[in-house]
Amino acid sequence: MVEHRGCTGDRVIQWTTTFSVVVLAGTAAVLSYKHMYVLVRRYGETSWVAALSPVSVDGMIAAAPLSQLADSRQYRRSGWLPWALLVIGSLASLRRTLRSRILLWSGAWSPHGRVAL
């Protein structure tokens, strides 16, 4: 089998894939942050609590696979903590999304964070 190291086509594919993943991850992060910030503010929390809440939830989701990757690179099995963080963070994110959708569908909340009249 012939290996094509440094082939221009392979580099274009790699850079295009990397760019696409960065754009999608950035978009998802901004939207996720905005939804949780607005939801927490809607429930009467202060602005600093609303600013930190999305970071704590999404931080759990980001930290868990990085810990698993580090373990994998050292040929170790991941313990229960990264899996627990991933599950808890994902469930909290899902709950946040469902709650904001329910409020939006019920007419009790507008997408801009203002109460619909």
C-alpha atoms as a PDB file:
ATOM      1  CA  MET A   1       0.000   0.000   0.000  1.00  0.00           C
ATOM      2  CA  VAL A   2       1.394   3.388  -0.984  1.00  0.00           C
ATOM      3  CA  GLU A   3       1.394   6.105   1.667  1.00  0.00           C
ATOM      4  CA  HIS A   4       0.864   9.663   0.444  1.00  0.00           C
ATOM      5  CA  ARG A   5       2.405  11.741   3.213  1.00  0.00           C
ATOM      6  CA  GLY A   6       1.946  15.430   2.726  1.00  0.00           C
ATOM      7  CA  CYS A   7      -0.362  15.080  -0.245  1.00  0.00           C
ATOM      8  CA  THR A   8      -2.005  18.443  -0.971  1.00  0.00           C
ATOM      9  CA  GLY A   9      -5.462  16.881  -1.203  1.00  0.00           C
ATOM     10  CA  ASP A  10      -5.077  15.273   2.220  1.00  0.00           C
ATOM     11  CA  ARG A  11      -4.016  18.578   3.750  1.00  0.00           C
ATOM     12  CA  VAL A  12      -6.986  20.382   2.210  1.00  0.00           C
ATOM     13  CA  ILE A  13      -9.345  17.742   3.617  1.00  0.00           C
ATOM     14  CA  GLN A  14      -7.704  17.961   7.053  1.00  0.00           C
ATOM     15  CA  TRP A  15      -7.844  21.771   7.192  1.00  0.00           C
ATOM     16  CA  THR A  16     -11.405  21.890   5.855  1.00  0.00           C
ATOM     17  CA  THR A  17     -12.517  19.352   8.442  1.00  0.00           C
ATOM     18  CA  THR A  18     -10.754  21.219  11.244  1.00  0.00           C
ATOM     19  CA  PHE A  19     -12.265  24.531  10.150  1.00  0.00           C
ATOM     20  CA  SER A  20     -15.758  23.006   9.961  1.00  0.00           C
ATOM     21  CA  VAL A  21     -15.485  21.457  13.415  1.00  0.00           C
ATOM     22  CA  VAL A  22     -14.245  24.736  14.934  1.00  0.00           C
ATOM     23  CA  VAL A  23     -17.076  26.735  13.330  1.00  0.00           C
ATOM     24  CA  LEU A  24     -19.735  24.230  14.415  1.00  0.00           C
ATOM     25  CA  ALA A  25     -18.340  23.944  17.947  1.00  0.00           C
ATOM     26  CA  GLY A  26     -18.156  27.729  18.266  1.00  0.00           C
ATOM     27  CA  THR A  27     -21.718  28.152  17.049  1.00  0.00           C
ATOM     28  CA  ALA A  28     -22.986  25.462  19.418  1.00  0.00           C
ATOM     29  CA  ALA A  29     -21.093  27.011  22.334  1.00  0.00           C
ATOM     30  CA  VAL A  30     -22.520  30.495  21.718  1.00  0.00           C
ATOM     31  CA  LEU A  31     -26.085  29.229  21.340  1.00  0.00           C
ATOM     32  CA  SER A  32     -25.814  26.927  24.344  1.00  0.00           C
ATOM     33  CA  TYR A  33     -24.394  29.731  26.487  1.00  0.00           C
ATOM     34  CA  LYS A  34     -27.080  32.179  25.385  1.00  0.00           C
ATOM     35  CA  HIS A  35     -29.947  29.768  26.046  1.00  0.00           C
ATOM     36  CA  MET A  36     -28.776  28.944  29.553  1.00  0.00           C
ATOM     37  CA  TYR A  37     -27.902  32.554  30.422  1.00  0.00           C
ATOM     38  CA  VAL A  38     -31.352  33.785  29.371  1.00  0.00           C
ATOM     39  CA  LEU A  39     -33.086  30.886  31.126  1.00  0.00           C
ATOM     40  CA  VAL A  40     -31.237  31.456  34.406  1.00  0.00           C
ATOM     41  CA  ARG A  41     -31.908  35.207  34.234  1.00  0.00           C
ATOM     42  CA  ARG A  42     -35.571  34.473  33.504  1.00  0.00           C
ATOM     43  CA  TYR A  43     -35.771  32.607  36.794  1.00  0.00           C
ATOM     44  CA  GLY A  44     -34.503  35.644  38.691  1.00  0.00           C
ATOM     45  CA  GLU A  45     -30.835  34.857  39.263  1.00  0.00           C
ATOM     46  CA  THR A  46     -28.238  37.612  39.284  1.00  0.00           C
ATOM     47  CA  SER A  47     -26.213  38.306  36.164  1.00  0.00           C
ATOM     48  CA  TRP A  48     -23.008  36.781  37.570  1.00  0.00           C
ATOM     49  CA  VAL A  49     -24.786  33.534  38.497  1.00  0.00           C
ATOM     50  CA  ALA A  50     -26.364  33.453  35.041  1.00  0.00           C
ATOM     51  CA  ALA A  51     -22.947  34.060  33.464  1.00  0.00           C
ATOM     52  CA  LEU A  52     -21.278  31.201  35.373  1.00  0.00           C
ATOM     53  CA  SER A  53     -24.043  28.602  35.105  1.00  0.00           C
ATOM     54  CA  PRO A  54     -23.492  27.788  31.415  1.00  0.00           C
ATOM     55  CA  VAL A  55     -19.754  27.504  31.994  1.00  0.00           C
ATOM     56  CA  SER A  56     -20.248  24.960  34.768  1.00  0.00           C
ATOM     57  CA  VAL A  57     -22.610  22.756  32.757  1.00  0.00           C
ATOM     58  CA  ASP A  58     -20.773  22.956  29.438  1.00  0.00           C
ATOM     59  CA  GLY A  59     -17.436  22.737  31.254  1.00  0.00           C
ATOM     60  CA  MET A  60     -18.406  19.324  32.619  1.00  0.00           C
ATOM     61  CA  ILE A  61     -19.235  18.156  29.105  1.00  0.00           C
ATOM     62  CA  ALA A  62     -15.915  19.471  27.751  1.00  0.00           C
ATOM     63  CA  ALA A  63     -13.732  18.221  30.613  1.00  0.00           C
ATOM     64  CA  ALA A  64     -15.002  14.639  30.637  1.00  0.00           C
ATOM     65  CA  PRO A  65     -13.850  13.555  27.152  1.00  0.00           C
ATOM     66  CA  LEU A  66     -10.551  15.408  27.579  1.00  0.00           C
ATOM     67  CA  SER A  67      -9.899  13.393  30.722  1.00  0.00           C
ATOM     68  CA  GLN A  68     -10.852  10.212  28.891  1.00  0.00           C
ATOM     69  CA  LEU A  69      -8.527  11.148  26.013  1.00  0.00           C
ATOM     70  CA  ALA A  70      -5.641  11.775  28.411  1.00  0.00           C
ATOM     71  CA  ASP A  71      -6.230   8.387  30.045  1.00  0.00           C
ATOM     72  CA  SER A  72      -6.432   6.690  26.659  1.00  0.00           C
ATOM     73  CA  ARG A  73      -3.151   8.233  25.530  1.00  0.00           C
ATOM     74  CA  GLN A  74      -1.510   6.805  28.660  1.00  0.00           C
ATOM     75  CA  TYR A  75      -3.110   3.386  28.007  1.00  0.00           C
ATOM     76  CA  ARG A  76      -5.225   3.644  31.170  1.00  0.00           C
ATOM     77  CA  ARG A  77      -8.903   2.959  31.657  1.00  0.00           C
ATOM     78  CA  SER A  78     -10.937   5.996  32.570  1.00  0.00           C
ATOM     79  CA  GLY A  79     -12.470   5.889  36.007  1.00  0.00           C
ATOM     80  CA  TRP A  80     -16.094   6.560  36.842  1.00  0.00           C
ATOM     81  CA  LEU A  81     -15.687  10.332  37.350  1.00  0.00           C
ATOM     82  CA  PRO A  82     -15.292  11.378  33.681  1.00  0.00           C
ATOM     83  CA  TRP A  83     -18.294   9.239  32.764  1.00  0.00           C
ATOM     84  CA  ALA A  84     -20.337  10.688  35.636  1.00  0.00           C
ATOM     85  CA  LEU A  85     -19.435  14.244  34.584  1.00  0.00           C
ATOM     86  CA  LEU A  86     -20.365  13.501  30.988  1.00  0.00           C
ATOM     87  CA  VAL A  87     -23.749  12.022  31.942  1.00  0.00           C
ATOM     88  CA  ILE A  88     -24.598  14.716  34.509  1.00  0.00           C
ATOM     89  CA  GLY A  89     -23.516  17.546  32.215  1.00  0.00           C
ATOM     90  CA  SER A  90     -25.407  16.098  29.259  1.00  0.00           C
ATOM     91  CA  LEU A  91     -28.572  15.612  31.312  1.00  0.00           C
ATOM     92  CA  ALA A  92     -28.334  19.169  32.673  1.00  0.00           C
ATOM     93  CA  SER A  93     -27.862  20.513  29.154  1.00  0.00           C
ATOM     94  CA  LEU A  94     -30.799  18.473  27.865  1.00  0.00           C
ATOM     95  CA  ARG A  95     -32.982  19.667  30.747  1.00  0.00           C
ATOM     96  CA  ARG A  96     -32.016  23.274  30.028  1.00  0.00           C
ATOM     97  CA  THR A  97     -32.835  22.901  26.353  1.00  0.00           C
ATOM     98  CA  LEU A  98     -36.180  21.227  27.005  1.00  0.00           C
ATOM     99  CA  ARG A  99     -37.152  23.799  29.617  1.00  0.00           C
ATOM    100  CA  SER A 100     -36.364  26.714  27.301  1.00  0.00           C
ATOM    101  CA  ARG A 101     -38.283  25.037  24.443  1.00  0.00           C
ATOM    102  CA  ILE A 102     -41.313  24.382  26.683  1.00  0.00           C
ATOM    103  CA  LEU A 103     -41.326  27.998  27.844  1.00  0.00           C
ATOM    104  CA  LEU A 104     -40.983  29.205  24.266  1.00  0.00           C
ATOM    105  CA  TRP A 105     -43.774  26.940  22.978  1.00  0.00           C
ATOM    106  CA  SER A 106     -46.076  27.901  25.835  1.00  0.00           C
ATOM    107  CA  GLY A 107     -45.647  31.585  25.031  1.00  0.00           C
ATOM    108  CA  ALA A 108     -44.274  32.370  28.490  1.00  0.00           C
ATOM    109  CA  TRP A 109     -40.840  33.259  27.137  1.00  0.00           C
ATOM    110  CA  SER A 110     -39.510  34.930  24.042  1.00  0.00           C
ATOM    111  CA  PRO A 111     -36.213  33.906  22.411  1.00  0.00           C
ATOM    112  CA  HIS A 112     -34.713  37.273  23.370  1.00  0.00           C
ATOM    113  CA  GLY A 113     -35.193  36.684  27.081  1.00  0.00           C
ATOM    114  CA  ARG A 114     -38.140  39.023  27.513  1.00  0.00           C
ATOM    115  CA  VAL A 115     -41.462  37.840  28.786  1.00  0.00           C
ATOM    116  CA  ALA A 116     -43.931  37.609  25.918  1.00  0.00           C
ATOM    117  CA  LEU A 117     -46.962  39.828  26.435  1.00  0.00           C
END
